[in-house]
């Protein structure tokens, strides 16, 4: 079993009230899958959701608890787009390449 992280050992009111299921048993057999997602943070769970909606099953493996790591606790947000405004990107790469970049985002 993985070692506890510092924040897992800190006593808080929330942790005292949380009704968490026990951490699951480690895999004890060989599992075959086309897609294995390592980590059940926001990115891993979202990827599994997207694959499922496309009828592509995936196996998620997680060392500790779902959402326990950084992606389950930070205040970051994901969204389409770039850090620069469209006009600045267009100025650097031209209109057609700027359109391509925004299509990618």
N, C-alpha and C. Protein backbone atom coordinates (compact mmCIF):
# COMPACT_ATOMS: atom_id res chain seq x y z
N UNK A 1 0.85 -1.19 0.00
CA UNK A 1 0.00 0.00 0.00
C UNK A 1 0.89 1.24 0.00
N UNK A 2 0.56 2.25 -0.78
CA UNK A 2 1.37 3.46 -0.84
C UNK A 2 1.41 4.17 0.51
N UNK A 3 2.52 4.86 0.74
CA UNK A 3 2.64 5.64 1.97
C UNK A 3 1.62 6.77 1.97
N UNK A 4 1.20 7.17 3.17
CA UNK A 4 0.25 8.28 3.26
C UNK A 4 0.95 9.58 2.91
N UNK A 5 0.21 10.46 2.27
CA UNK A 5 0.72 11.78 1.97
C UNK A 5 0.50 12.68 3.17
N UNK A 6 1.27 13.76 3.27
CA UNK A 6 1.18 14.64 4.44
C UNK A 6 -0.23 15.12 4.69
N UNK A 7 -0.94 15.55 3.65
CA UNK A 7 -2.29 16.08 3.86
C UNK A 7 -3.28 14.99 4.26
N UNK A 8 -2.95 13.71 4.02
CA UNK A 8 -3.84 12.62 4.43
C UNK A 8 -3.79 12.41 5.94
N UNK A 9 -2.70 12.81 6.56
CA UNK A 9 -2.56 12.57 7.99
C UNK A 9 -2.97 13.77 8.83
N UNK A 10 -3.24 14.89 8.19
CA UNK A 10 -3.66 16.08 8.92
C UNK A 10 -5.12 15.94 9.34
N UNK A 11 -5.38 16.17 10.60
CA UNK A 11 -6.74 16.05 11.11
C UNK A 11 -7.52 17.33 10.79
N UNK A 12 -8.63 17.16 10.10
CA UNK A 12 -9.50 18.29 9.81
C UNK A 12 -10.93 17.88 10.12
N UNK A 13 -11.79 18.85 10.30
CA UNK A 13 -13.20 18.55 10.55
C UNK A 13 -13.77 17.77 9.39
N UNK A 14 -13.44 18.20 8.17
CA UNK A 14 -13.97 17.52 6.99
C UNK A 14 -13.56 16.05 6.97
N UNK A 15 -12.28 15.79 7.19
CA UNK A 15 -11.80 14.41 7.16
C UNK A 15 -12.47 13.58 8.26
N UNK A 16 -12.70 14.20 9.41
CA UNK A 16 -13.35 13.47 10.50
C UNK A 16 -14.79 13.12 10.14
N UNK A 17 -15.45 13.94 9.33
CA UNK A 17 -16.84 13.70 8.96
C UNK A 17 -16.99 12.86 7.69
N UNK A 18 -15.94 12.80 6.89
CA UNK A 18 -16.03 12.13 5.59
C UNK A 18 -16.28 10.63 5.78
N UNK A 19 -17.23 10.13 5.04
CA UNK A 19 -17.55 8.70 5.06
C UNK A 19 -16.92 8.09 3.81
N UNK A 20 -15.64 7.83 3.90
CA UNK A 20 -14.90 7.34 2.73
C UNK A 20 -14.89 5.81 2.71
N UNK A 21 -15.05 5.25 1.52
CA UNK A 21 -14.92 3.80 1.41
C UNK A 21 -13.45 3.42 1.60
N UNK A 22 -13.20 2.20 2.01
CA UNK A 22 -11.80 1.79 2.16
C UNK A 22 -11.10 1.75 0.80
N UNK A 23 -9.79 1.92 0.84
CA UNK A 23 -9.01 1.82 -0.39
C UNK A 23 -9.09 0.39 -0.87
N UNK A 24 -9.29 0.22 -2.15
CA UNK A 24 -9.46 -1.11 -2.73
C UNK A 24 -8.20 -1.96 -2.66
N UNK A 25 -8.40 -3.21 -2.89
CA UNK A 25 -7.30 -4.16 -2.91
C UNK A 25 -6.46 -3.95 -4.18
N UNK A 26 -5.18 -4.24 -4.09
CA UNK A 26 -4.36 -4.17 -5.30
C UNK A 26 -4.78 -5.23 -6.30
N UNK A 27 -4.49 -4.99 -7.56
CA UNK A 27 -4.78 -5.99 -8.58
C UNK A 27 -4.01 -7.27 -8.26
N UNK A 28 -4.69 -8.40 -8.35
CA UNK A 28 -4.05 -9.68 -8.04
C UNK A 28 -3.99 -10.59 -9.26
N UNK A 29 -4.38 -10.09 -10.39
CA UNK A 29 -4.37 -10.90 -11.61
C UNK A 29 -4.04 -10.01 -12.79
N UNK A 30 -3.72 -10.63 -13.88
CA UNK A 30 -3.45 -9.89 -15.11
C UNK A 30 -4.78 -9.44 -15.71
N UNK A 31 -4.85 -8.18 -16.08
CA UNK A 31 -6.05 -7.63 -16.69
C UNK A 31 -5.67 -7.12 -18.08
N UNK A 32 -6.43 -7.53 -19.07
CA UNK A 32 -6.18 -7.06 -20.43
C UNK A 32 -7.17 -5.96 -20.77
N UNK A 33 -6.65 -4.89 -21.36
CA UNK A 33 -7.49 -3.77 -21.77
C UNK A 33 -6.81 -3.05 -22.92
N UNK A 34 -7.60 -2.44 -23.77
CA UNK A 34 -7.02 -1.63 -24.84
C UNK A 34 -6.49 -0.31 -24.30
N UNK A 35 -7.18 0.22 -23.28
CA UNK A 35 -6.80 1.52 -22.73
C UNK A 35 -6.72 1.42 -21.22
N UNK A 36 -5.56 1.79 -20.68
CA UNK A 36 -5.37 1.83 -19.23
C UNK A 36 -5.05 3.27 -18.86
N UNK A 37 -5.85 3.83 -17.98
CA UNK A 37 -5.65 5.21 -17.52
C UNK A 37 -5.03 5.14 -16.14
N UNK A 38 -3.86 5.74 -15.99
CA UNK A 38 -3.16 5.72 -14.71
C UNK A 38 -3.49 7.01 -13.97
N UNK A 39 -4.27 6.89 -12.91
CA UNK A 39 -4.65 8.03 -12.10
C UNK A 39 -6.11 8.39 -12.26
N UNK A 40 -6.80 8.46 -11.13
CA UNK A 40 -8.23 8.79 -11.12
C UNK A 40 -8.44 10.21 -10.62
N UNK A 41 -7.63 11.12 -11.14
CA UNK A 41 -7.85 12.54 -10.89
C UNK A 41 -8.83 13.07 -11.92
N UNK A 42 -8.96 14.37 -11.98
CA UNK A 42 -9.91 14.96 -12.92
C UNK A 42 -9.60 14.58 -14.36
N UNK A 43 -8.34 14.63 -14.73
CA UNK A 43 -7.98 14.32 -16.12
C UNK A 43 -8.27 12.86 -16.45
N UNK A 44 -7.88 11.94 -15.56
CA UNK A 44 -8.11 10.52 -15.81
C UNK A 44 -9.59 10.17 -15.87
N UNK A 45 -10.37 10.72 -14.95
CA UNK A 45 -11.80 10.44 -14.94
C UNK A 45 -12.50 11.04 -16.15
N UNK A 46 -12.08 12.24 -16.54
CA UNK A 46 -12.68 12.87 -17.71
C UNK A 46 -12.35 12.07 -18.97
N UNK A 47 -11.11 11.61 -19.06
CA UNK A 47 -10.74 10.80 -20.21
C UNK A 47 -11.58 9.53 -20.26
N UNK A 48 -11.77 8.88 -19.12
CA UNK A 48 -12.59 7.66 -19.07
C UNK A 48 -14.02 7.96 -19.51
N UNK A 49 -14.56 9.09 -19.07
CA UNK A 49 -15.92 9.49 -19.47
C UNK A 49 -16.00 9.68 -20.98
N UNK A 50 -15.04 10.41 -21.53
CA UNK A 50 -15.04 10.66 -22.97
C UNK A 50 -14.92 9.36 -23.76
N UNK A 51 -14.06 8.46 -23.32
CA UNK A 51 -13.92 7.18 -24.00
C UNK A 51 -15.20 6.37 -23.91
N UNK A 52 -15.82 6.38 -22.74
CA UNK A 52 -17.06 5.63 -22.54
C UNK A 52 -18.16 6.13 -23.47
N UNK A 53 -18.25 7.43 -23.64
CA UNK A 53 -19.26 8.00 -24.53
C UNK A 53 -19.02 7.62 -25.99
N UNK A 54 -17.82 7.16 -26.28
CA UNK A 54 -17.49 6.71 -27.64
C UNK A 54 -17.41 5.18 -27.71
N UNK A 55 -18.01 4.53 -26.70
CA UNK A 55 -18.02 3.06 -26.62
C UNK A 55 -16.62 2.46 -26.65
N UNK A 56 -15.69 3.12 -25.95
CA UNK A 56 -14.32 2.64 -25.84
C UNK A 56 -14.03 2.41 -24.36
N UNK A 57 -14.21 1.19 -23.88
CA UNK A 57 -13.99 0.92 -22.46
C UNK A 57 -12.53 1.15 -22.06
N UNK A 58 -12.33 1.51 -20.82
CA UNK A 58 -10.99 1.76 -20.30
C UNK A 58 -10.91 1.28 -18.86
N UNK A 59 -9.73 0.93 -18.46
CA UNK A 59 -9.46 0.54 -17.08
C UNK A 59 -8.74 1.70 -16.41
N UNK A 60 -9.22 2.11 -15.23
CA UNK A 60 -8.56 3.17 -14.47
C UNK A 60 -7.87 2.51 -13.28
N UNK A 61 -6.59 2.80 -13.10
CA UNK A 61 -5.87 2.33 -11.92
C UNK A 61 -5.46 3.54 -11.10
N UNK A 62 -5.63 3.45 -9.80
CA UNK A 62 -5.36 4.56 -8.89
C UNK A 62 -4.63 4.02 -7.68
N UNK A 63 -3.55 4.67 -7.28
CA UNK A 63 -2.75 4.22 -6.15
C UNK A 63 -3.39 4.52 -4.81
N UNK A 64 -4.14 5.59 -4.72
CA UNK A 64 -4.70 5.96 -3.43
C UNK A 64 -6.21 6.06 -3.51
N UNK A 65 -6.73 7.27 -3.59
CA UNK A 65 -8.18 7.48 -3.64
C UNK A 65 -8.53 8.36 -4.84
N UNK A 66 -9.72 8.16 -5.35
CA UNK A 66 -10.20 8.96 -6.48
C UNK A 66 -10.21 10.44 -6.08
N UNK A 67 -9.61 11.27 -6.90
CA UNK A 67 -9.60 12.71 -6.65
C UNK A 67 -8.72 13.16 -5.51
N UNK A 68 -7.86 12.29 -5.00
CA UNK A 68 -7.06 12.65 -3.83
C UNK A 68 -5.88 13.55 -4.19
N UNK A 69 -5.29 13.34 -5.33
CA UNK A 69 -4.10 14.08 -5.70
C UNK A 69 -4.38 15.51 -6.09
N UNK A 70 -3.41 16.13 -6.72
CA UNK A 70 -3.48 17.55 -7.02
C UNK A 70 -4.69 17.93 -7.86
N UNK A 71 -5.06 17.10 -8.83
CA UNK A 71 -6.16 17.51 -9.70
C UNK A 71 -7.50 17.49 -8.98
N UNK A 72 -7.58 16.84 -7.84
CA UNK A 72 -8.82 16.84 -7.08
C UNK A 72 -8.89 17.96 -6.05
N UNK A 73 -7.80 18.70 -5.87
CA UNK A 73 -7.77 19.72 -4.83
C UNK A 73 -7.42 21.12 -5.30
N UNK A 74 -6.83 21.25 -6.46
CA UNK A 74 -6.39 22.59 -6.87
C UNK A 74 -7.57 23.43 -7.35
N UNK A 75 -7.32 24.68 -7.55
CA UNK A 75 -8.38 25.59 -8.00
C UNK A 75 -8.25 25.93 -9.47
N UNK A 76 -7.51 25.13 -10.21
CA UNK A 76 -7.31 25.40 -11.63
C UNK A 76 -8.53 25.05 -12.45
N UNK A 77 -8.60 25.61 -13.61
CA UNK A 77 -9.71 25.34 -14.51
C UNK A 77 -9.16 25.04 -15.90
N UNK A 78 -9.85 24.19 -16.61
CA UNK A 78 -9.48 23.88 -17.99
C UNK A 78 -10.51 24.48 -18.92
N UNK A 79 -10.06 25.07 -19.97
CA UNK A 79 -10.98 25.62 -20.95
C UNK A 79 -10.30 25.77 -22.28
N UNK A 80 -11.08 25.88 -23.33
CA UNK A 80 -10.48 26.03 -24.64
C UNK A 80 -9.86 27.41 -24.81
N UNK A 81 -8.90 27.51 -25.69
CA UNK A 81 -8.31 28.80 -25.98
C UNK A 81 -6.84 28.85 -25.65
N UNK A 82 -6.28 30.02 -25.78
CA UNK A 82 -4.86 30.25 -25.56
C UNK A 82 -4.70 31.43 -24.61
N UNK A 83 -3.50 31.56 -24.06
CA UNK A 83 -3.23 32.65 -23.13
C UNK A 83 -3.22 34.01 -23.83
N UNK A 84 -2.86 34.04 -25.08
CA UNK A 84 -2.85 35.30 -25.84
C UNK A 84 -4.20 35.53 -26.51
N UNK A 85 -4.51 36.79 -26.72
CA UNK A 85 -5.72 37.12 -27.46
C UNK A 85 -5.55 36.71 -28.92
N UNK A 86 -6.67 36.48 -29.59
CA UNK A 86 -6.65 36.04 -30.99
C UNK A 86 -5.86 36.99 -31.88
N UNK A 87 -6.01 38.29 -31.64
CA UNK A 87 -5.32 39.27 -32.48
C UNK A 87 -3.80 39.14 -32.37
N UNK A 88 -3.31 38.89 -31.16
CA UNK A 88 -1.86 38.75 -30.97
C UNK A 88 -1.34 37.47 -31.62
N UNK A 89 -2.11 36.41 -31.50
CA UNK A 89 -1.70 35.15 -32.14
C UNK A 89 -1.68 35.33 -33.65
N UNK A 90 -2.72 35.97 -34.18
CA UNK A 90 -2.77 36.22 -35.63
C UNK A 90 -1.59 37.05 -36.09
N UNK A 91 -1.21 38.03 -35.30
CA UNK A 91 -0.07 38.89 -35.64
C UNK A 91 1.22 38.07 -35.73
N UNK A 92 1.36 37.08 -34.83
CA UNK A 92 2.59 36.27 -34.80
C UNK A 92 2.63 35.20 -35.89
N UNK A 93 1.49 34.57 -36.19
CA UNK A 93 1.51 33.40 -37.08
C UNK A 93 0.67 33.56 -38.34
N UNK A 94 -0.07 34.63 -38.46
CA UNK A 94 -0.94 34.81 -39.62
C UNK A 94 -2.33 34.25 -39.37
N UNK A 95 -3.27 34.70 -40.19
CA UNK A 95 -4.69 34.37 -39.99
C UNK A 95 -4.96 32.87 -40.10
N UNK A 96 -4.46 32.23 -41.15
CA UNK A 96 -4.78 30.81 -41.36
C UNK A 96 -4.22 29.93 -40.25
N UNK A 97 -2.96 30.19 -39.86
CA UNK A 97 -2.36 29.40 -38.77
C UNK A 97 -3.07 29.69 -37.45
N UNK A 98 -3.49 30.93 -37.22
CA UNK A 98 -4.23 31.26 -36.00
C UNK A 98 -5.55 30.50 -35.96
N UNK A 99 -6.24 30.40 -37.09
CA UNK A 99 -7.49 29.62 -37.15
C UNK A 99 -7.22 28.16 -36.80
N UNK A 100 -6.14 27.62 -37.35
CA UNK A 100 -5.78 26.22 -37.05
C UNK A 100 -5.51 26.04 -35.57
N UNK A 101 -4.78 26.96 -34.97
CA UNK A 101 -4.48 26.86 -33.54
C UNK A 101 -5.76 26.91 -32.70
N UNK A 102 -6.68 27.78 -33.05
CA UNK A 102 -7.92 27.86 -32.29
C UNK A 102 -8.79 26.63 -32.51
N UNK A 103 -8.74 26.05 -33.70
CA UNK A 103 -9.46 24.79 -33.92
C UNK A 103 -8.90 23.69 -33.04
N UNK A 104 -7.60 23.69 -32.82
CA UNK A 104 -6.97 22.69 -31.95
C UNK A 104 -7.37 22.86 -30.49
N UNK A 105 -7.66 24.10 -30.10
CA UNK A 105 -7.98 24.33 -28.69
C UNK A 105 -9.40 23.94 -28.40
